Amino acid sequence: MGFLLIGLLMLVMWYLELDPVASWPWWSVGIPFGLAVLWWSLADSMGFTQAKAMRRHEERQAARRDKAIRDMGMAPKGDVRKRR
């Protein structure tokens, strides 16, 4: 995400002809975009994206389970509060 933001900032500066980016060649402004694509492909191939999505899904599932148990009047697992 950082590479993308840097690339967008550089692209805007290049388009508005702000120094020092205005004097750079077009391909040097595109380097952060290429690095962002490289990072995303590496993150996908190494499983970072899938692992993060699975962890988020498990957290939501545990929260729904705990809420359902609390709504039934029972303490969820690990909850030290007294049961009714």
PDB file of N, CA and C in Angstrom:
ATOM      1  N   MET A   1       0.827  -1.191   0.000  1.00  0.00           N
ATOM      2  CA  MET A   1       0.000   0.000   0.000  1.00  0.00           C
ATOM      3  C   MET A   1       0.873   1.258   0.000  1.00  0.00           C
ATOM      4  N   GLY A   2       1.990   1.163   0.684  1.00  0.00           N
ATOM      5  CA  GLY A   2       2.888   2.304   0.746  1.00  0.00           C
ATOM      6  C   GLY A   2       3.455   2.663  -0.611  1.00  0.00           C
ATOM      7  N   PHE A   3       3.841   1.627  -1.398  1.00  0.00           N
ATOM      8  CA  PHE A   3       4.368   1.881  -2.734  1.00  0.00           C
ATOM      9  C   PHE A   3       3.327   2.577  -3.608  1.00  0.00           C
ATOM     10  N   LEU A   4       2.083   2.166  -3.462  1.00  0.00           N
ATOM     11  CA  LEU A   4       1.013   2.763  -4.264  1.00  0.00           C
ATOM     12  C   LEU A   4       0.816   4.234  -3.913  1.00  0.00           C
ATOM     13  N   LEU A   5       0.816   4.545  -2.621  1.00  0.00           N
ATOM     14  CA  LEU A   5       0.661   5.943  -2.201  1.00  0.00           C
ATOM     15  C   LEU A   5       1.830   6.808  -2.666  1.00  0.00           C
ATOM     16  N   ILE A   6       3.039   6.267  -2.546  1.00  0.00           N
ATOM     17  CA  ILE A   6       4.214   7.006  -3.013  1.00  0.00           C
ATOM     18  C   ILE A   6       4.124   7.232  -4.521  1.00  0.00           C
ATOM     19  N   GLY A   7       3.711   6.198  -5.251  1.00  0.00           N
ATOM     20  CA  GLY A   7       3.572   6.325  -6.697  1.00  0.00           C
ATOM     21  C   GLY A   7       2.535   7.361  -7.082  1.00  0.00           C
ATOM     22  N   LEU A   8       1.401   7.362  -6.391  1.00  0.00           N
ATOM     23  CA  LEU A   8       0.366   8.361  -6.690  1.00  0.00           C
ATOM     24  C   LEU A   8       0.851   9.772  -6.392  1.00  0.00           C
ATOM     25  N   LEU A   9       1.559   9.938  -5.276  1.00  0.00           N
ATOM     26  CA  LEU A   9       2.102  11.247  -4.928  1.00  0.00           C
ATOM     27  C   LEU A   9       3.104  11.717  -5.984  1.00  0.00           C
ATOM     28  N   MET A  10       3.983  10.806  -6.394  1.00  0.00           N
ATOM     29  CA  MET A  10       4.959  11.159  -7.426  1.00  0.00           C
ATOM     30  C   MET A  10       4.280  11.467  -8.760  1.00  0.00           C
ATOM     31  N   LEU A  11       3.239  10.717  -9.101  1.00  0.00           N
ATOM     32  CA  LEU A  11       2.521  10.952 -10.353  1.00  0.00           C
ATOM     33  C   LEU A  11       1.848  12.322 -10.357  1.00  0.00           C
ATOM     34  N   VAL A  12       1.241  12.689  -9.239  1.00  0.00           N
ATOM     35  CA  VAL A  12       0.597  14.008  -9.138  1.00  0.00           C
ATOM     36  C   VAL A  12       1.649  15.109  -9.234  1.00  0.00           C
ATOM     37  N   MET A  13       2.771  14.914  -8.533  1.00  0.00           N
ATOM     38  CA  MET A  13       3.839  15.921  -8.593  1.00  0.00           C
ATOM     39  C   MET A  13       4.404  16.038 -10.009  1.00  0.00           C
ATOM     40  N   TRP A  14       4.527  14.916 -10.703  1.00  0.00           N
ATOM     41  CA  TRP A  14       5.050  14.921 -12.075  1.00  0.00           C
ATOM     42  C   TRP A  14       4.069  15.591 -13.021  1.00  0.00           C
ATOM     43  N   TYR A  15       2.764  15.311 -12.828  1.00  0.00           N
ATOM     44  CA  TYR A  15       1.736  15.897 -13.676  1.00  0.00           C
ATOM     45  C   TYR A  15       1.639  17.414 -13.481  1.00  0.00           C
ATOM     46  N   LEU A  16       1.745  17.845 -12.214  1.00  0.00           N
ATOM     47  CA  LEU A  16       1.661  19.278 -11.913  1.00  0.00           C
ATOM     48  C   LEU A  16       3.001  19.996 -12.100  1.00  0.00           C
ATOM     49  N   GLU A  17       4.011  19.239 -12.540  1.00  0.00           N
ATOM     50  CA  GLU A  17       5.344  19.766 -12.810  1.00  0.00           C
ATOM     51  C   GLU A  17       5.954  20.447 -11.592  1.00  0.00           C
ATOM     52  N   LEU A  18       5.887  19.748 -10.468  1.00  0.00           N
ATOM     53  CA  LEU A  18       6.501  20.232  -9.243  1.00  0.00           C
ATOM     54  C   LEU A  18       7.908  19.652  -9.123  1.00  0.00           C
ATOM     55  N   ASP A  19       8.829  20.480  -8.669  1.00  0.00           N
ATOM     56  CA  ASP A  19      10.213  20.022  -8.504  1.00  0.00           C
ATOM     57  C   ASP A  19      10.316  19.105  -7.307  1.00  0.00           C
ATOM     58  N   PRO A  20      11.190  18.165  -7.258  1.00  0.00           N
ATOM     59  CA  PRO A  20      12.168  17.727  -8.251  1.00  0.00           C
ATOM     60  C   PRO A  20      11.614  16.687  -9.224  1.00  0.00           C
ATOM     61  N   VAL A  21      10.401  16.243  -9.030  1.00  0.00           N
ATOM     62  CA  VAL A  21       9.834  15.148  -9.819  1.00  0.00           C
ATOM     63  C   VAL A  21       9.572  15.568 -11.267  1.00  0.00           C
ATOM     64  N   ALA A  22       9.358  16.830 -11.517  1.00  0.00           N
ATOM     65  CA  ALA A  22       9.024  17.299 -12.868  1.00  0.00           C
ATOM     66  C   ALA A  22      10.142  17.007 -13.866  1.00  0.00           C
ATOM     67  N   SER A  23      11.374  16.998 -13.415  1.00  0.00           N
ATOM     68  CA  SER A  23      12.498  16.788 -14.330  1.00  0.00           C
ATOM     69  C   SER A  23      12.852  15.311 -14.499  1.00  0.00           C
ATOM     70  N   TRP A  24      12.188  14.422 -13.785  1.00  0.00           N
ATOM     71  CA  TRP A  24      12.487  12.991 -13.883  1.00  0.00           C
ATOM     72  C   TRP A  24      11.831  12.398 -15.120  1.00  0.00           C
ATOM     73  N   PRO A  25      12.418  11.336 -15.675  1.00  0.00           N
ATOM     74  CA  PRO A  25      11.775  10.664 -16.814  1.00  0.00           C
ATOM     75  C   PRO A  25      10.510   9.933 -16.362  1.00  0.00           C
ATOM     76  N   TRP A  26       9.635   9.632 -17.310  1.00  0.00           N
ATOM     77  CA  TRP A  26       8.340   9.032 -16.985  1.00  0.00           C
ATOM     78  C   TRP A  26       8.485   7.677 -16.307  1.00  0.00           C
ATOM     79  N   TRP A  27       9.504   6.893 -16.707  1.00  0.00           N
ATOM     80  CA  TRP A  27       9.642   5.552 -16.148  1.00  0.00           C
ATOM     81  C   TRP A  27      10.045   5.581 -14.675  1.00  0.00           C
ATOM     82  N   SER A  28      10.735   6.635 -14.236  1.00  0.00           N
ATOM     83  CA  SER A  28      11.130   6.706 -12.827  1.00  0.00           C
ATOM     84  C   SER A  28       9.920   6.989 -11.928  1.00  0.00           C
ATOM     85  N   VAL A  29       8.903   7.635 -12.490  1.00  0.00           N
ATOM     86  CA  VAL A  29       7.673   7.879 -11.732  1.00  0.00           C
ATOM     87  C   VAL A  29       6.871   6.583 -11.614  1.00  0.00           C
ATOM     88  N   GLY A  30       7.048   5.667 -12.561  1.00  0.00           N
ATOM     89  CA  GLY A  30       6.316   4.405 -12.562  1.00  0.00           C
ATOM     90  C   GLY A  30       6.941   3.317 -11.705  1.00  0.00           C
ATOM     91  N   ILE A  31       8.155   3.521 -11.220  1.00  0.00           N
ATOM     92  CA  ILE A  31       8.832   2.489 -10.423  1.00  0.00           C
ATOM     93  C   ILE A  31       8.032   2.074  -9.190  1.00  0.00           C
ATOM     94  N   PRO A  32       7.473   2.998  -8.391  1.00  0.00           N
ATOM     95  CA  PRO A  32       6.704   2.561  -7.220  1.00  0.00           C
ATOM     96  C   PRO A  32       5.490   1.695  -7.572  1.00  0.00           C
ATOM     97  N   PHE A  33       4.892   1.934  -8.729  1.00  0.00           N
ATOM     98  CA  PHE A  33       3.760   1.105  -9.148  1.00  0.00           C
ATOM     99  C   PHE A  33       4.218  -0.321  -9.453  1.00  0.00           C
ATOM    100  N   GLY A  34       5.361  -0.432 -10.102  1.00  0.00           N
ATOM    101  CA  GLY A  34       5.927  -1.748 -10.362  1.00  0.00           C
ATOM    102  C   GLY A  34       6.298  -2.471  -9.079  1.00  0.00           C
ATOM    103  N   LEU A  35       6.855  -1.729  -8.105  1.00  0.00           N
ATOM    104  CA  LEU A  35       7.188  -2.329  -6.816  1.00  0.00           C
ATOM    105  C   LEU A  35       5.928  -2.774  -6.067  1.00  0.00           C
ATOM    106  N   ALA A  36       4.846  -2.025  -6.202  1.00  0.00           N
ATOM    107  CA  ALA A  36       3.583  -2.412  -5.557  1.00  0.00           C
ATOM    108  C   ALA A  36       3.060  -3.711  -6.162  1.00  0.00           C
ATOM    109  N   VAL A  37       3.120  -3.833  -7.478  1.00  0.00           N
ATOM    110  CA  VAL A  37       2.681  -5.066  -8.132  1.00  0.00           C
ATOM    111  C   VAL A  37       3.556  -6.234  -7.693  1.00  0.00           C
ATOM    112  N   LEU A  38       4.856  -6.017  -7.621  1.00  0.00           N
ATOM    113  CA  LEU A  38       5.778  -7.060  -7.183  1.00  0.00           C
ATOM    114  C   LEU A  38       5.471  -7.491  -5.752  1.00  0.00           C
ATOM    115  N   TRP A  39       5.257  -6.516  -4.860  1.00  0.00           N
ATOM    116  CA  TRP A  39       4.955  -6.841  -3.466  1.00  0.00           C
ATOM    117  C   TRP A  39       3.657  -7.625  -3.351  1.00  0.00           C
ATOM    118  N   TRP A  40       2.613  -7.199  -4.058  1.00  0.00           N
ATOM    119  CA  TRP A  40       1.334  -7.894  -3.976  1.00  0.00           C
ATOM    120  C   TRP A  40       1.430  -9.310  -4.512  1.00  0.00           C
ATOM    121  N   SER A  41       2.195  -9.497  -5.586  1.00  0.00           N
ATOM    122  CA  SER A  41       2.337 -10.856  -6.121  1.00  0.00           C
ATOM    123  C   SER A  41       3.131 -11.733  -5.160  1.00  0.00           C
ATOM    124  N   LEU A  42       4.163 -11.175  -4.533  1.00  0.00           N
ATOM    125  CA  LEU A  42       4.920 -11.944  -3.545  1.00  0.00           C
ATOM    126  C   LEU A  42       4.067 -12.266  -2.316  1.00  0.00           C
ATOM    127  N   ALA A  43       3.299 -11.290  -1.851  1.00  0.00           N
ATOM    128  CA  ALA A  43       2.446 -11.513  -0.681  1.00  0.00           C
ATOM    129  C   ALA A  43       1.402 -12.588  -0.962  1.00  0.00           C
ATOM    130  N   ASP A  44       0.848 -12.595  -2.164  1.00  0.00           N
ATOM    131  CA  ASP A  44      -0.133 -13.616  -2.528  1.00  0.00           C
ATOM    132  C   ASP A  44       0.512 -14.988  -2.654  1.00  0.00           C
ATOM    133  N   SER A  45       1.694 -15.044  -3.258  1.00  0.00           N
ATOM    134  CA  SER A  45       2.346 -16.340  -3.457  1.00  0.00           C
ATOM    135  C   SER A  45       2.852 -16.931  -2.145  1.00  0.00           C
ATOM    136  N   MET A  46       3.209 -16.087  -1.178  1.00  0.00           N
ATOM    137  CA  MET A  46       3.697 -16.576   0.108  1.00  0.00           C
ATOM    138  C   MET A  46       2.565 -16.826   1.094  1.00  0.00           C
ATOM    139  N   GLY A  47       1.333 -16.464   0.743  1.00  0.00           N
ATOM    140  CA  GLY A  47       0.188 -16.764   1.581  1.00  0.00           C
ATOM    141  C   GLY A  47      -0.156 -15.708   2.615  1.00  0.00           C
ATOM    142  N   PHE A  48       0.473 -14.535   2.573  1.00  0.00           N
ATOM    143  CA  PHE A  48       0.170 -13.491   3.559  1.00  0.00           C
ATOM    144  C   PHE A  48      -1.289 -13.062   3.480  1.00  0.00           C
ATOM    145  N   THR A  49      -1.777 -12.874   2.281  1.00  0.00           N
ATOM    146  CA  THR A  49      -3.136 -12.388   2.089  1.00  0.00           C
ATOM    147  C   THR A  49      -4.145 -13.409   2.583  1.00  0.00           C
ATOM    148  N   GLN A  50      -3.956 -14.666   2.226  1.00  0.00           N
ATOM    149  CA  GLN A  50      -4.888 -15.720   2.636  1.00  0.00           C
ATOM    150  C   GLN A  50      -4.851 -15.928   4.143  1.00  0.00           C
ATOM    151  N   ALA A  51      -3.662 -15.905   4.741  1.00  0.00           N
ATOM    152  CA  ALA A  51      -3.545 -16.093   6.185  1.00  0.00           C
ATOM    153  C   ALA A  51      -4.257 -14.970   6.943  1.00  0.00           C
ATOM    154  N   LYS A  52      -4.110 -13.751   6.448  1.00  0.00           N
ATOM    155  CA  LYS A  52      -4.764 -12.610   7.090  1.00  0.00           C
ATOM    156  C   LYS A  52      -6.284 -12.730   6.980  1.00  0.00           C
ATOM    157  N   ALA A  53      -6.778 -13.153   5.829  1.00  0.00           N
ATOM    158  CA  ALA A  53      -8.222 -13.319   5.643  1.00  0.00           C
ATOM    159  C   ALA A  53      -8.755 -14.439   6.536  1.00  0.00           C
ATOM    160  N   MET A  54      -8.014 -15.525   6.655  1.00  0.00           N
ATOM    161  CA  MET A  54      -8.451 -16.634   7.511  1.00  0.00           C
ATOM    162  C   MET A  54      -8.477 -16.224   8.978  1.00  0.00           C
ATOM    163  N   ARG A  55      -7.468 -15.487   9.422  1.00  0.00           N
ATOM    164  CA  ARG A  55      -7.414 -15.022  10.812  1.00  0.00           C
ATOM    165  C   ARG A  55      -8.597 -14.095  11.112  1.00  0.00           C
ATOM    166  N   ARG A  56      -8.900 -13.196  10.172  1.00  0.00           N
ATOM    167  CA  ARG A  56     -10.032 -12.280  10.350  1.00  0.00           C
ATOM    168  C   ARG A  56     -11.346 -13.054  10.401  1.00  0.00           C
ATOM    169  N   HIS A  57     -11.492 -14.081   9.564  1.00  0.00           N
ATOM    170  CA  HIS A  57     -12.700 -14.908   9.558  1.00  0.00           C
ATOM    171  C   HIS A  57     -12.844 -15.664  10.882  1.00  0.00           C
ATOM    172  N   GLU A  58     -11.755 -16.222  11.385  1.00  0.00           N
ATOM    173  CA  GLU A  58     -11.807 -16.955  12.650  1.00  0.00           C
ATOM    174  C   GLU A  58     -12.164 -16.040  13.812  1.00  0.00           C
ATOM    175  N   GLU A  59     -11.651 -14.812  13.818  1.00  0.00           N
ATOM    176  CA  GLU A  59     -11.973 -13.860  14.881  1.00  0.00           C
ATOM    177  C   GLU A  59     -13.457 -13.499  14.852  1.00  0.00           C
ATOM    178  N   ARG A  60     -13.994 -13.263  13.643  1.00  0.00           N
ATOM    179  CA  ARG A  60     -15.424 -12.955  13.539  1.00  0.00           C
ATOM    180  C   ARG A  60     -16.276 -14.139  13.965  1.00  0.00           C
ATOM    181  N   GLN A  61     -15.853 -15.335  13.598  1.00  0.00           N
ATOM    182  CA  GLN A  61     -16.597 -16.537  13.960  1.00  0.00           C
ATOM    183  C   GLN A  61     -16.602 -16.726  15.474  1.00  0.00           C
ATOM    184  N   ALA A  62     -15.460 -16.519  16.132  1.00  0.00           N
ATOM    185  CA  ALA A  62     -15.389 -16.649  17.588  1.00  0.00           C
ATOM    186  C   ALA A  62     -16.243 -15.586  18.268  1.00  0.00           C
ATOM    187  N   ALA A  63     -16.249 -14.377  17.741  1.00  0.00           N
ATOM    188  CA  ALA A  63     -17.060 -13.313  18.327  1.00  0.00           C
ATOM    189  C   ALA A  63     -18.552 -13.640  18.198  1.00  0.00           C
ATOM    190  N   ARG A  64     -18.985 -14.171  17.044  1.00  0.00           N
ATOM    191  CA  ARG A  64     -20.391 -14.566  16.869  1.00  0.00           C
ATOM    192  C   ARG A  64     -20.765 -15.691  17.826  1.00  0.00           C
ATOM    193  N   ARG A  65     -19.850 -16.657  17.981  1.00  0.00           N
ATOM    194  CA  ARG A  65     -20.103 -17.774  18.884  1.00  0.00           C
ATOM    195  C   ARG A  65     -20.241 -17.279  20.328  1.00  0.00           C
ATOM    196  N   ASP A  66     -19.333 -16.420  20.767  1.00  0.00           N
ATOM    197  CA  ASP A  66     -19.397 -15.884  22.129  1.00  0.00           C
ATOM    198  C   ASP A  66     -20.663 -15.069  22.351  1.00  0.00           C
ATOM    199  N   LYS A  67     -21.061 -14.293  21.354  1.00  0.00           N
ATOM    200  CA  LYS A  67     -22.284 -13.498  21.485  1.00  0.00           C
ATOM    201  C   LYS A  67     -23.503 -14.406  21.594  1.00  0.00           C
ATOM    202  N   ALA A  68     -23.538 -15.474  20.798  1.00  0.00           N
ATOM    203  CA  ALA A  68     -24.675 -16.396  20.853  1.00  0.00           C
ATOM    204  C   ALA A  68     -24.749 -17.080  22.216  1.00  0.00           C
ATOM    205  N   ILE A  69     -23.614 -17.461  22.756  1.00  0.00           N
ATOM    206  CA  ILE A  69     -23.597 -18.106  24.075  1.00  0.00           C
ATOM    207  C   ILE A  69     -24.037 -17.122  25.148  1.00  0.00           C
ATOM    208  N   ARG A  70     -23.559 -15.880  25.064  1.00  0.00           N
ATOM    209  CA  ARG A  70     -23.988 -14.858  26.039  1.00  0.00           C
ATOM    210  C   ARG A  70     -25.474 -14.591  25.929  1.00  0.00           C
ATOM    211  N   ASP A  71     -25.998 -14.546  24.702  1.00  0.00           N
ATOM    212  CA  ASP A  71     -27.431 -14.296  24.505  1.00  0.00           C
ATOM    213  C   ASP A  71     -28.291 -15.421  25.070  1.00  0.00           C
ATOM    214  N   MET A  72     -27.740 -16.630  25.144  1.00  0.00           N
ATOM    215  CA  MET A  72     -28.470 -17.743  25.732  1.00  0.00           C
ATOM    216  C   MET A  72     -28.368 -17.742  27.254  1.00  0.00           C
ATOM    217  N   GLY A  73     -27.570 -16.817  27.804  1.00  0.00           N
ATOM    218  CA  GLY A  73     -27.448 -16.711  29.250  1.00  0.00           C
ATOM    219  C   GLY A  73     -26.334 -17.557  29.828  1.00  0.00           C
ATOM    220  N   MET A  74     -25.454 -18.007  28.993  1.00  0.00           N
ATOM    221  CA  MET A  74     -24.325 -18.815  29.454  1.00  0.00           C
ATOM    222  C   MET A  74     -23.049 -18.009  29.251  1.00  0.00           C
ATOM    223  N   ALA A  75     -22.050 -18.259  30.099  1.00  0.00           N
ATOM    224  CA  ALA A  75     -20.779 -17.550  29.959  1.00  0.00           C
ATOM    225  C   ALA A  75     -19.964 -18.212  28.852  1.00  0.00           C
ATOM    226  N   PRO A  76     -19.370 -17.418  27.966  1.00  0.00           N
ATOM    227  CA  PRO A  76     -18.549 -18.024  26.915  1.00  0.00           C
ATOM    228  C   PRO A  76     -17.273 -18.634  27.505  1.00  0.00           C
ATOM    229  N   LYS A  77     -16.636 -19.462  26.750  1.00  0.00           N
ATOM    230  CA  LYS A  77     -15.423 -20.130  27.188  1.00  0.00           C
ATOM    231  C   LYS A  77     -14.372 -19.100  27.558  1.00  0.00           C
ATOM    232  N   GLY A  78     -13.775 -19.245  28.746  1.00  0.00           N
ATOM    233  CA  GLY A  78     -12.769 -18.311  29.185  1.00  0.00           C
ATOM    234  C   GLY A  78     -13.327 -17.106  29.900  1.00  0.00           C
ATOM    235  N   ASP A  79     -14.648 -16.965  29.975  1.00  0.00           N
ATOM    236  CA  ASP A  79     -15.267 -15.833  30.662  1.00  0.00           C
ATOM    237  C   ASP A  79     -15.405 -16.193  32.129  1.00  0.00           C
ATOM    238  N   VAL A  80     -14.898 -15.362  33.023  1.00  0.00           N
ATOM    239  CA  VAL A  80     -14.896 -15.674  34.455  1.00  0.00           C
ATOM    240  C   VAL A  80     -16.161 -15.179  35.155  1.00  0.00           C
ATOM    241  N   ARG A  81     -17.041 -14.520  34.415  1.00  0.00           N
ATOM    242  CA  ARG A  81     -18.281 -14.059  35.036  1.00  0.00           C
ATOM    243  C   ARG A  81     -19.152 -15.242  35.419  1.00  0.00           C
ATOM    244  N   LYS A  82     -19.945 -15.062  36.452  1.00  0.00           N
ATOM    245  CA  LYS A  82     -20.799 -16.146  36.932  1.00  0.00           C
ATOM    246  C   LYS A  82     -21.946 -16.381  35.944  1.00  0.00           C
ATOM    247  N   ARG A  83     -22.302 -17.628  35.822  1.00  0.00           N
ATOM    248  CA  ARG A  83     -23.451 -17.985  34.992  1.00  0.00           C
ATOM    249  C   ARG A  83     -24.716 -17.743  35.774  1.00  0.00           C
ATOM    250  N   ARG A  84     -25.799 -17.499  35.068  1.00  0.00           N
ATOM    251  CA  ARG A  84     -27.079 -17.237  35.734  1.00  0.00           C
ATOM    252  C   ARG A  84     -27.685 -18.493  36.269  1.00  0.00           C
TER     253      ARG A  84
END
